[in-house]
């Protein structure tokens, strides 16, 4: 008896999801944990930087749940990946950080409703959380971070290099401005050679 194969939908990975122009001179990638207070603080700084350098920064978020410290961080990360499948990653990302002390599955289902997920999307979202559908996507981010040498969060990559400075607005801003100047000088050098 022939069985119909259900077409599998391609999972949109956090690795491929950025905000900002692809040709921005600066790419920021934050590895974080939705329950972490320090990650929440850096999240606020990143929002300020995105506003201050609109069009010059491309930003991506990768998951690095510290599950030994934060019991709900894994499911929160999975919730953001589930929201990404519904084209609602950034609103859910914001919601999870704002509600970092309330990240139970029922609370996250409520956040999906609050963000405007329709009934079918809410059902898919809740099913994905219960079934751990996106746990491998989260684990992939974590393994990538470990391979880069990240052992704690928050961690920030600026143009592919782990940022080792202070996690305050002025320090990161100064580093970004240096990257922008470097990019401009590289562009001028290439034009002179052509």
N, C-alpha and C. Protein backbone atom coordinates (compact mmCIF):
# COMPACT_ATOMS: atom_id res chain seq x y z
N UNK A 1 0.83 -1.17 0.00
CA UNK A 1 0.00 0.00 0.00
C UNK A 1 0.88 1.24 0.00
N UNK A 2 0.65 2.11 -0.92
CA UNK A 2 1.45 3.33 -1.04
C UNK A 2 1.01 4.34 0.01
N UNK A 3 1.99 4.98 0.59
CA UNK A 3 1.68 6.04 1.55
C UNK A 3 2.11 7.38 0.97
N UNK A 4 1.33 8.36 1.29
CA UNK A 4 1.67 9.70 0.81
C UNK A 4 2.71 10.30 1.73
N UNK A 5 3.77 10.74 1.14
CA UNK A 5 4.79 11.43 1.93
C UNK A 5 4.38 12.87 2.13
N UNK A 6 4.35 13.25 3.36
CA UNK A 6 4.00 14.62 3.70
C UNK A 6 5.21 15.51 3.34
N UNK A 7 5.02 16.57 2.56
CA UNK A 7 6.17 17.40 2.22
C UNK A 7 6.74 18.06 3.48
N UNK A 8 8.05 17.99 3.61
CA UNK A 8 8.68 18.61 4.78
C UNK A 8 8.99 20.07 4.46
N UNK A 9 8.65 20.89 5.42
CA UNK A 9 8.93 22.31 5.25
C UNK A 9 10.36 22.58 5.69
N UNK A 10 11.02 23.43 4.95
CA UNK A 10 12.39 23.79 5.30
C UNK A 10 12.36 24.70 6.52
N UNK A 11 13.21 24.40 7.48
CA UNK A 11 13.30 25.19 8.71
C UNK A 11 14.16 26.42 8.44
N UNK A 12 13.64 27.56 8.81
CA UNK A 12 14.42 28.80 8.71
C UNK A 12 15.32 28.83 9.94
N UNK A 13 16.60 28.90 9.71
CA UNK A 13 17.57 28.85 10.80
C UNK A 13 17.92 30.24 11.30
N UNK A 14 18.12 30.38 12.61
CA UNK A 14 18.58 31.67 13.14
C UNK A 14 19.90 32.12 12.52
N UNK A 15 20.72 31.15 12.07
CA UNK A 15 22.01 31.47 11.46
C UNK A 15 21.85 32.37 10.23
N UNK A 16 20.73 32.21 9.54
CA UNK A 16 20.55 32.92 8.28
C UNK A 16 19.65 34.14 8.41
N UNK A 17 19.29 34.49 9.64
CA UNK A 17 18.31 35.54 9.84
C UNK A 17 18.94 36.76 10.50
N UNK A 18 18.94 37.87 9.77
CA UNK A 18 19.55 39.12 10.25
C UNK A 18 18.58 40.27 10.05
N UNK A 19 18.82 41.33 10.79
CA UNK A 19 18.12 42.58 10.59
C UNK A 19 19.18 43.58 10.14
N UNK A 20 18.84 44.42 9.18
CA UNK A 20 19.80 45.39 8.65
C UNK A 20 20.28 44.96 7.27
N UNK A 21 20.88 45.90 6.54
CA UNK A 21 21.29 45.61 5.16
C UNK A 21 22.44 44.61 5.07
N UNK A 22 22.38 43.70 4.09
CA UNK A 22 23.43 42.68 3.95
C UNK A 22 24.80 43.27 3.66
N UNK A 23 24.84 44.49 3.09
CA UNK A 23 26.13 45.10 2.76
C UNK A 23 26.59 46.11 3.82
N UNK A 24 25.99 46.04 5.02
CA UNK A 24 26.38 46.94 6.10
C UNK A 24 27.86 46.75 6.43
N UNK A 25 28.57 47.83 6.76
CA UNK A 25 29.99 47.69 7.08
C UNK A 25 30.27 46.94 8.39
N UNK A 26 29.27 46.83 9.24
CA UNK A 26 29.46 46.15 10.52
C UNK A 26 28.38 45.08 10.70
N UNK A 27 28.81 43.88 11.02
CA UNK A 27 27.89 42.80 11.35
C UNK A 27 28.09 42.43 12.82
N UNK A 28 27.02 42.55 13.58
CA UNK A 28 27.02 42.14 14.98
C UNK A 28 26.26 40.84 15.11
N UNK A 29 26.81 39.91 15.85
CA UNK A 29 26.10 38.68 16.17
C UNK A 29 26.21 38.49 17.67
N UNK A 30 25.06 38.44 18.32
CA UNK A 30 25.02 38.24 19.76
C UNK A 30 24.65 36.81 20.07
N UNK A 31 25.44 36.16 20.90
CA UNK A 31 25.08 34.86 21.45
C UNK A 31 24.49 35.14 22.83
N UNK A 32 23.27 34.65 23.07
CA UNK A 32 22.63 34.99 24.32
C UNK A 32 21.68 33.94 24.85
N UNK A 33 21.15 34.26 26.02
CA UNK A 33 20.25 33.42 26.80
C UNK A 33 19.12 34.33 27.25
N UNK A 34 17.88 33.98 26.94
CA UNK A 34 16.74 34.85 27.23
C UNK A 34 16.47 35.06 28.72
N UNK A 35 16.99 34.21 29.59
CA UNK A 35 16.78 34.39 31.02
C UNK A 35 17.88 35.23 31.68
N UNK A 36 18.95 35.49 30.96
CA UNK A 36 20.10 36.18 31.53
C UNK A 36 19.89 37.69 31.62
N UNK A 37 20.12 38.22 32.80
CA UNK A 37 20.02 39.67 33.00
C UNK A 37 21.09 40.41 32.20
N UNK A 38 22.31 39.86 32.17
CA UNK A 38 23.40 40.48 31.41
C UNK A 38 23.08 40.51 29.91
N UNK A 39 22.45 39.45 29.41
CA UNK A 39 22.05 39.42 27.99
C UNK A 39 20.96 40.44 27.73
N UNK A 40 20.05 40.59 28.67
CA UNK A 40 19.00 41.60 28.54
C UNK A 40 19.62 43.00 28.46
N UNK A 41 20.63 43.26 29.28
CA UNK A 41 21.30 44.56 29.26
C UNK A 41 21.96 44.80 27.90
N UNK A 42 22.67 43.78 27.38
CA UNK A 42 23.32 43.93 26.07
C UNK A 42 22.28 44.08 24.97
N UNK A 43 21.17 43.39 25.10
CA UNK A 43 20.06 43.51 24.14
C UNK A 43 19.63 44.98 24.02
N UNK A 44 19.51 45.67 25.15
CA UNK A 44 19.15 47.09 25.15
C UNK A 44 20.19 47.94 24.45
N UNK A 45 21.46 47.64 24.68
CA UNK A 45 22.55 48.38 24.04
C UNK A 45 22.54 48.15 22.53
N UNK A 46 22.31 46.90 22.13
CA UNK A 46 22.25 46.58 20.69
C UNK A 46 21.12 47.36 20.03
N UNK A 47 19.97 47.46 20.69
CA UNK A 47 18.85 48.23 20.13
C UNK A 47 19.25 49.69 19.94
N UNK A 48 19.96 50.26 20.91
CA UNK A 48 20.43 51.64 20.79
C UNK A 48 21.40 51.78 19.62
N UNK A 49 22.30 50.83 19.47
CA UNK A 49 23.28 50.87 18.38
C UNK A 49 22.60 50.75 17.02
N UNK A 50 21.61 49.86 16.92
CA UNK A 50 20.88 49.71 15.66
C UNK A 50 20.19 51.01 15.27
N UNK A 51 19.67 51.73 16.25
CA UNK A 51 19.01 53.02 15.98
C UNK A 51 20.05 54.08 15.61
N UNK A 52 21.16 54.12 16.32
CA UNK A 52 22.19 55.14 16.09
C UNK A 52 22.92 54.94 14.76
N UNK A 53 23.08 53.69 14.35
CA UNK A 53 23.83 53.38 13.13
C UNK A 53 22.94 52.70 12.09
N UNK A 54 21.74 53.20 11.96
CA UNK A 54 20.79 52.60 11.01
C UNK A 54 21.40 52.53 9.62
N UNK A 55 21.32 51.35 9.02
CA UNK A 55 21.87 51.14 7.69
C UNK A 55 23.34 50.77 7.68
N UNK A 56 24.00 50.88 8.83
CA UNK A 56 25.44 50.57 8.90
C UNK A 56 25.73 49.31 9.70
N UNK A 57 24.68 48.78 10.34
CA UNK A 57 24.84 47.57 11.15
C UNK A 57 23.85 46.50 10.69
N UNK A 58 24.37 45.31 10.59
CA UNK A 58 23.56 44.12 10.34
C UNK A 58 23.65 43.30 11.62
N UNK A 59 22.50 42.85 12.13
CA UNK A 59 22.49 42.17 13.43
C UNK A 59 21.80 40.82 13.36
N UNK A 60 22.42 39.85 14.01
CA UNK A 60 21.84 38.52 14.13
C UNK A 60 21.95 38.04 15.57
N UNK A 61 21.01 37.22 15.96
CA UNK A 61 21.00 36.68 17.32
C UNK A 61 21.13 35.17 17.26
N UNK A 62 22.02 34.63 18.07
CA UNK A 62 22.22 33.18 18.14
C UNK A 62 22.00 32.73 19.58
N UNK A 63 21.56 31.52 19.72
CA UNK A 63 21.16 30.99 21.02
C UNK A 63 22.31 30.29 21.74
N UNK A 64 22.44 30.59 23.01
CA UNK A 64 23.45 29.96 23.87
C UNK A 64 22.84 29.81 25.26
N UNK A 65 21.80 28.96 25.38
CA UNK A 65 21.11 28.83 26.67
C UNK A 65 22.01 28.16 27.71
N UNK A 66 22.13 28.81 28.85
CA UNK A 66 22.91 28.26 29.97
C UNK A 66 21.96 27.43 30.83
N UNK A 67 21.68 26.23 30.38
CA UNK A 67 20.63 25.42 30.97
C UNK A 67 20.93 24.96 32.39
N UNK A 68 22.19 24.95 32.79
CA UNK A 68 22.50 24.57 34.17
C UNK A 68 22.12 25.68 35.15
N UNK A 69 22.03 26.91 34.64
CA UNK A 69 21.69 28.06 35.47
C UNK A 69 20.25 28.50 35.23
N UNK A 70 19.83 28.47 33.96
CA UNK A 70 18.50 28.96 33.57
C UNK A 70 17.68 27.81 32.99
N UNK A 71 16.76 27.32 33.77
CA UNK A 71 16.00 26.13 33.41
C UNK A 71 15.06 26.34 32.22
N UNK A 72 14.63 27.57 31.99
CA UNK A 72 13.66 27.81 30.92
C UNK A 72 14.29 28.41 29.66
N UNK A 73 15.60 28.60 29.68
CA UNK A 73 16.29 29.25 28.55
C UNK A 73 16.20 28.43 27.27
N UNK A 74 16.29 27.11 27.37
CA UNK A 74 16.22 26.25 26.18
C UNK A 74 14.87 26.40 25.49
N UNK A 75 13.79 26.28 26.26
CA UNK A 75 12.45 26.39 25.66
C UNK A 75 12.20 27.79 25.11
N UNK A 76 12.73 28.81 25.78
CA UNK A 76 12.58 30.17 25.27
C UNK A 76 13.28 30.31 23.93
N UNK A 77 14.48 29.74 23.81
CA UNK A 77 15.21 29.77 22.54
C UNK A 77 14.42 29.03 21.46
N UNK A 78 13.86 27.88 21.82
CA UNK A 78 13.03 27.13 20.86
C UNK A 78 11.81 27.95 20.45
N UNK A 79 11.25 28.70 21.39
CA UNK A 79 10.08 29.54 21.08
C UNK A 79 10.43 30.59 20.05
N UNK A 80 11.63 31.17 20.15
CA UNK A 80 12.02 32.19 19.17
C UNK A 80 12.21 31.57 17.78
N UNK A 81 12.74 30.35 17.74
CA UNK A 81 12.90 29.67 16.44
C UNK A 81 11.53 29.31 15.87
N UNK A 82 10.62 28.88 16.74
CA UNK A 82 9.25 28.60 16.28
C UNK A 82 8.59 29.87 15.75
N UNK A 83 8.83 30.99 16.41
CA UNK A 83 8.28 32.27 15.95
C UNK A 83 8.92 32.68 14.62
N UNK A 84 10.19 32.35 14.44
CA UNK A 84 10.87 32.65 13.17
C UNK A 84 10.16 31.95 12.01
N UNK A 85 9.67 30.74 12.25
CA UNK A 85 8.96 30.00 11.20
C UNK A 85 7.66 30.70 10.82
N UNK A 86 7.13 31.50 11.74
CA UNK A 86 5.88 32.25 11.51
C UNK A 86 6.18 33.70 11.08
N UNK A 87 7.44 33.99 10.78
CA UNK A 87 7.89 35.34 10.38
C UNK A 87 7.69 36.36 11.51
N UNK A 88 7.85 35.89 12.75
CA UNK A 88 7.65 36.75 13.92
C UNK A 88 8.82 36.68 14.90
N UNK A 89 10.02 36.44 14.36
CA UNK A 89 11.17 36.28 15.24
C UNK A 89 11.44 37.52 16.08
N UNK A 90 11.59 38.69 15.44
CA UNK A 90 11.99 39.88 16.20
C UNK A 90 10.95 40.29 17.24
N UNK A 91 9.65 40.26 16.92
CA UNK A 91 8.69 40.57 17.99
C UNK A 91 8.76 39.57 19.15
N UNK A 92 8.92 38.28 18.84
CA UNK A 92 9.02 37.28 19.90
C UNK A 92 10.33 37.44 20.67
N UNK A 93 11.40 37.72 19.97
CA UNK A 93 12.72 37.96 20.59
C UNK A 93 12.59 39.08 21.64
N UNK A 94 11.94 40.15 21.26
CA UNK A 94 11.73 41.28 22.16
C UNK A 94 10.84 40.87 23.35
N UNK A 95 9.78 40.15 23.06
CA UNK A 95 8.84 39.71 24.08
C UNK A 95 9.52 38.80 25.10
N UNK A 96 10.38 37.89 24.62
CA UNK A 96 11.06 36.97 25.53
C UNK A 96 12.02 37.71 26.46
N UNK A 97 12.75 38.66 25.92
CA UNK A 97 13.65 39.43 26.78
C UNK A 97 12.87 40.27 27.79
N UNK A 98 11.80 40.89 27.34
CA UNK A 98 11.01 41.73 28.24
C UNK A 98 10.36 40.91 29.36
N UNK A 99 10.09 39.66 29.09
CA UNK A 99 9.42 38.78 30.06
C UNK A 99 10.35 37.66 30.53
N UNK A 100 11.63 37.96 30.64
CA UNK A 100 12.65 36.94 30.92
C UNK A 100 12.44 36.18 32.23
N UNK A 101 11.61 36.69 33.10
CA UNK A 101 11.33 35.99 34.37
C UNK A 101 10.06 35.14 34.29
N UNK A 102 9.40 35.17 33.13
CA UNK A 102 8.15 34.43 32.93
C UNK A 102 8.21 33.69 31.60
N UNK A 103 8.96 32.61 31.57
CA UNK A 103 9.20 31.91 30.31
C UNK A 103 8.69 30.46 30.32
N UNK A 104 7.61 30.22 31.04
CA UNK A 104 6.98 28.90 30.98
C UNK A 104 6.26 28.73 29.64
N UNK A 105 5.98 27.52 29.28
CA UNK A 105 5.34 27.24 27.98
C UNK A 105 3.99 27.94 27.87
N UNK A 106 3.20 27.92 28.93
CA UNK A 106 1.88 28.56 28.87
C UNK A 106 2.03 30.08 28.70
N UNK A 107 3.00 30.67 29.40
CA UNK A 107 3.26 32.11 29.23
C UNK A 107 3.67 32.42 27.79
N UNK A 108 4.55 31.57 27.22
CA UNK A 108 5.02 31.83 25.85
C UNK A 108 3.89 31.67 24.84
N UNK A 109 2.97 30.74 25.10
CA UNK A 109 1.79 30.61 24.24
C UNK A 109 0.99 31.92 24.29
N UNK A 110 0.87 32.48 25.48
CA UNK A 110 0.18 33.77 25.64
C UNK A 110 0.89 34.88 24.89
N UNK A 111 2.21 34.85 24.87
CA UNK A 111 2.96 35.88 24.12
C UNK A 111 2.69 35.76 22.63
N UNK A 112 2.59 34.52 22.15
CA UNK A 112 2.28 34.31 20.73
C UNK A 112 0.92 34.92 20.40
N UNK A 113 -0.07 34.68 21.26
CA UNK A 113 -1.40 35.26 21.04
C UNK A 113 -1.33 36.78 21.08
N UNK A 114 -0.60 37.30 22.05
CA UNK A 114 -0.46 38.75 22.20
C UNK A 114 0.20 39.38 20.97
N UNK A 115 1.09 38.64 20.34
CA UNK A 115 1.77 39.14 19.13
C UNK A 115 0.91 39.00 17.87
N UNK A 116 -0.25 38.35 18.01
CA UNK A 116 -1.15 38.27 16.87
C UNK A 116 -1.10 36.98 16.09
N UNK A 117 -0.51 35.93 16.63
CA UNK A 117 -0.52 34.64 15.95
C UNK A 117 -1.98 34.20 15.82
N UNK A 118 -2.35 33.72 14.64
CA UNK A 118 -3.72 33.22 14.50
C UNK A 118 -3.82 31.84 15.18
N UNK A 119 -5.01 31.25 15.19
CA UNK A 119 -5.24 29.98 15.90
C UNK A 119 -4.33 28.87 15.41
N UNK A 120 -4.19 28.76 14.07
CA UNK A 120 -3.34 27.70 13.50
C UNK A 120 -1.88 27.92 13.88
N UNK A 121 -1.44 29.17 13.79
CA UNK A 121 -0.05 29.49 14.13
C UNK A 121 0.21 29.21 15.61
N UNK A 122 -0.75 29.55 16.48
CA UNK A 122 -0.61 29.27 17.92
C UNK A 122 -0.52 27.76 18.18
N UNK A 123 -1.31 27.00 17.46
CA UNK A 123 -1.29 25.55 17.62
C UNK A 123 0.06 24.98 17.17
N UNK A 124 0.57 25.46 16.02
CA UNK A 124 1.89 25.01 15.54
C UNK A 124 2.98 25.40 16.54
N UNK A 125 2.89 26.64 17.04
CA UNK A 125 3.86 27.17 17.98
C UNK A 125 3.90 26.32 19.25
N UNK A 126 2.75 26.07 19.84
CA UNK A 126 2.67 25.29 21.07
C UNK A 126 3.14 23.85 20.82
N UNK A 127 2.71 23.28 19.69
CA UNK A 127 3.15 21.92 19.34
C UNK A 127 4.66 21.84 19.20
N UNK A 128 5.25 22.85 18.60
CA UNK A 128 6.71 22.87 18.44
C UNK A 128 7.42 22.93 19.79
N UNK A 129 6.85 23.68 20.73
CA UNK A 129 7.46 23.76 22.06
C UNK A 129 7.33 22.43 22.81
N UNK A 130 6.15 21.86 22.78
CA UNK A 130 5.90 20.60 23.49
C UNK A 130 6.76 19.47 22.91
N UNK A 131 6.87 19.44 21.58
CA UNK A 131 7.62 18.36 20.91
C UNK A 131 9.11 18.65 20.76
N UNK A 132 9.57 19.81 21.23
CA UNK A 132 10.99 20.21 21.10
C UNK A 132 11.44 20.18 19.64
N UNK A 133 10.55 20.60 18.75
CA UNK A 133 10.81 20.56 17.31
C UNK A 133 12.09 21.28 16.91
N UNK A 134 12.39 22.39 17.57
CA UNK A 134 13.53 23.21 17.15
C UNK A 134 14.72 23.11 18.11
N UNK A 135 14.75 22.06 18.92
CA UNK A 135 15.85 21.91 19.87
C UNK A 135 17.19 21.76 19.16
N UNK A 136 17.18 21.11 17.98
CA UNK A 136 18.44 20.93 17.26
C UNK A 136 18.94 22.24 16.67
N UNK A 137 18.03 23.13 16.30
CA UNK A 137 18.46 24.45 15.82
C UNK A 137 19.16 25.21 16.94
N UNK A 138 18.58 25.15 18.13
CA UNK A 138 19.17 25.82 19.29
C UNK A 138 20.52 25.17 19.62
N UNK A 139 20.54 23.87 19.62
CA UNK A 139 21.80 23.15 19.90
C UNK A 139 22.87 23.49 18.87
N UNK A 140 22.48 23.65 17.62
CA UNK A 140 23.42 24.03 16.57
C UNK A 140 24.07 25.37 16.86
N UNK A 141 23.26 26.34 17.31
CA UNK A 141 23.81 27.64 17.69
C UNK A 141 24.80 27.49 18.84
N UNK A 142 24.41 26.72 19.85
CA UNK A 142 25.26 26.50 21.01
C UNK A 142 26.59 25.88 20.61
N UNK A 143 26.54 24.86 19.77
CA UNK A 143 27.77 24.20 19.32
C UNK A 143 28.64 25.14 18.49
N UNK A 144 28.02 25.98 17.65
CA UNK A 144 28.78 26.97 16.89
C UNK A 144 29.49 27.93 17.84
N UNK A 145 28.78 28.36 18.87
CA UNK A 145 29.38 29.26 19.85
C UNK A 145 30.55 28.61 20.57
N UNK A 146 30.39 27.37 20.98
CA UNK A 146 31.48 26.64 21.65
C UNK A 146 32.69 26.52 20.74
N UNK A 147 32.42 26.25 19.46
CA UNK A 147 33.51 26.12 18.48
C UNK A 147 34.27 27.44 18.31
N UNK A 148 33.56 28.55 18.48
CA UNK A 148 34.20 29.87 18.40
C UNK A 148 34.96 30.23 19.68
N UNK A 149 34.78 29.43 20.72
CA UNK A 149 35.46 29.71 21.98
C UNK A 149 34.59 30.38 23.01
N UNK A 150 33.31 30.52 22.73
CA UNK A 150 32.38 31.14 23.68
C UNK A 150 32.07 30.13 24.78
N UNK A 151 32.17 30.59 26.02
CA UNK A 151 31.87 29.73 27.16
C UNK A 151 30.81 30.34 28.07
N UNK A 152 30.54 31.63 27.89
CA UNK A 152 29.56 32.32 28.72
C UNK A 152 28.89 33.39 27.86
N UNK A 153 27.75 33.84 28.32
CA UNK A 153 27.03 34.89 27.60
C UNK A 153 26.76 36.05 28.54
N UNK A 154 26.59 37.23 28.00
CA UNK A 154 26.49 37.50 26.57
C UNK A 154 27.86 37.45 25.90
N UNK A 155 27.83 37.14 24.63
CA UNK A 155 29.01 37.18 23.78
C UNK A 155 28.61 37.92 22.52
N UNK A 156 29.54 38.70 22.01
CA UNK A 156 29.26 39.52 20.84
C UNK A 156 30.37 39.35 19.82
N UNK A 157 29.97 39.04 18.60
CA UNK A 157 30.93 39.01 17.49
C UNK A 157 30.74 40.30 16.71
N UNK A 158 31.83 40.96 16.41
CA UNK A 158 31.77 42.15 15.58
C UNK A 158 32.62 41.85 14.35
N UNK A 159 31.97 41.79 13.21
CA UNK A 159 32.60 41.40 11.94
C UNK A 159 33.36 40.08 12.08
N UNK A 160 32.73 39.13 12.76
CA UNK A 160 33.26 37.78 12.86
C UNK A 160 34.30 37.56 13.95
N UNK A 161 34.63 38.59 14.71
CA UNK A 161 35.64 38.48 15.76
C UNK A 161 34.97 38.68 17.11
N UNK A 162 35.31 37.83 18.08
CA UNK A 162 34.73 37.97 19.41
C UNK A 162 35.19 39.28 20.04
N UNK A 163 34.21 40.08 20.43
CA UNK A 163 34.48 41.36 21.07
C UNK A 163 34.89 41.09 22.52
N UNK A 164 36.03 41.66 22.93
CA UNK A 164 36.54 41.38 24.27
C UNK A 164 36.53 42.62 25.17
N UNK A 165 35.94 43.71 24.69
CA UNK A 165 35.88 44.92 25.48
C UNK A 165 34.75 44.92 26.48
N UNK A 166 34.53 46.07 27.06
CA UNK A 166 33.48 46.25 28.05
C UNK A 166 32.11 46.27 27.37
N UNK A 167 31.12 45.69 28.02
CA UNK A 167 29.77 45.65 27.46
C UNK A 167 28.96 46.87 27.88
N UNK A 168 29.46 48.04 27.54
CA UNK A 168 28.69 49.26 27.74
C UNK A 168 28.58 49.97 26.39
N UNK A 169 27.59 50.82 26.28
CA UNK A 169 27.27 51.47 25.01
C UNK A 169 28.48 52.18 24.40
N UNK A 170 29.15 53.02 25.18
CA UNK A 170 30.26 53.82 24.64
C UNK A 170 31.40 52.96 24.13
N UNK A 171 31.75 51.90 24.85
CA UNK A 171 32.86 51.03 24.43
C UNK A 171 32.54 50.31 23.13
N UNK A 172 31.33 49.77 23.04
CA UNK A 172 30.95 49.05 21.82
C UNK A 172 30.83 50.04 20.66
N UNK A 173 30.26 51.21 20.92
CA UNK A 173 30.12 52.25 19.89
C UNK A 173 31.49 52.63 19.33
N UNK A 174 32.47 52.81 20.20
CA UNK A 174 33.83 53.18 19.77
C UNK A 174 34.41 52.09 18.86
N UNK A 175 34.19 50.83 19.24
CA UNK A 175 34.68 49.71 18.44
C UNK A 175 33.99 49.69 17.06
N UNK A 176 32.69 49.92 17.05
CA UNK A 176 31.93 49.93 15.79
C UNK A 176 32.41 51.06 14.88
N UNK A 177 32.63 52.24 15.46
CA UNK A 177 33.12 53.37 14.66
C UNK A 177 34.48 53.05 14.04
N UNK A 178 35.33 52.35 14.78
CA UNK A 178 36.62 51.92 14.23
C UNK A 178 36.43 50.96 13.06
N UNK A 179 35.48 50.06 13.17
CA UNK A 179 35.19 49.12 12.07
C UNK A 179 34.67 49.86 10.84
N UNK A 180 33.82 50.85 11.06
CA UNK A 180 33.27 51.63 9.94
C UNK A 180 34.39 52.41 9.25
N UNK A 181 35.28 53.04 10.04
CA UNK A 181 36.41 53.78 9.45
C UNK A 181 37.31 52.83 8.66
N UNK A 182 37.58 51.66 9.22
CA UNK A 182 38.43 50.68 8.55
C UNK A 182 37.80 50.25 7.23
N UNK A 183 36.50 50.02 7.23
CA UNK A 183 35.79 49.61 6.01
C UNK A 183 35.88 50.71 4.95
N UNK A 184 35.73 51.98 5.37
CA UNK A 184 35.82 53.10 4.43
C UNK A 184 37.21 53.19 3.83
N UNK A 185 38.26 53.01 4.66
CA UNK A 185 39.63 53.10 4.14
C UNK A 185 39.93 51.94 3.21
N UNK A 186 39.39 50.75 3.51
CA UNK A 186 39.56 49.60 2.61
C UNK A 186 38.92 49.87 1.26
N UNK A 187 37.72 50.48 1.28
CA UNK A 187 37.01 50.80 0.04
C UNK A 187 37.79 51.81 -0.79
N UNK A 188 38.36 52.83 -0.15
CA UNK A 188 39.17 53.83 -0.86
C UNK A 188 40.40 53.20 -1.48
N UNK A 189 41.06 52.28 -0.77
CA UNK A 189 42.24 51.61 -1.29
C UNK A 189 41.89 50.78 -2.52
N UNK A 190 40.78 50.08 -2.47
CA UNK A 190 40.34 49.26 -3.61
C UNK A 190 40.04 50.16 -4.81
N UNK A 191 39.40 51.29 -4.60
CA UNK A 191 39.09 52.20 -5.70
C UNK A 191 40.36 52.75 -6.34
N UNK A 192 41.38 53.08 -5.54
CA UNK A 192 42.63 53.60 -6.06
C UNK A 192 43.34 52.58 -6.94
N UNK A 193 43.25 51.30 -6.54
CA UNK A 193 43.91 50.23 -7.31
C UNK A 193 43.20 50.00 -8.64
N UNK A 194 41.90 50.23 -8.69
CA UNK A 194 41.11 49.96 -9.90
C UNK A 194 41.33 51.01 -10.92
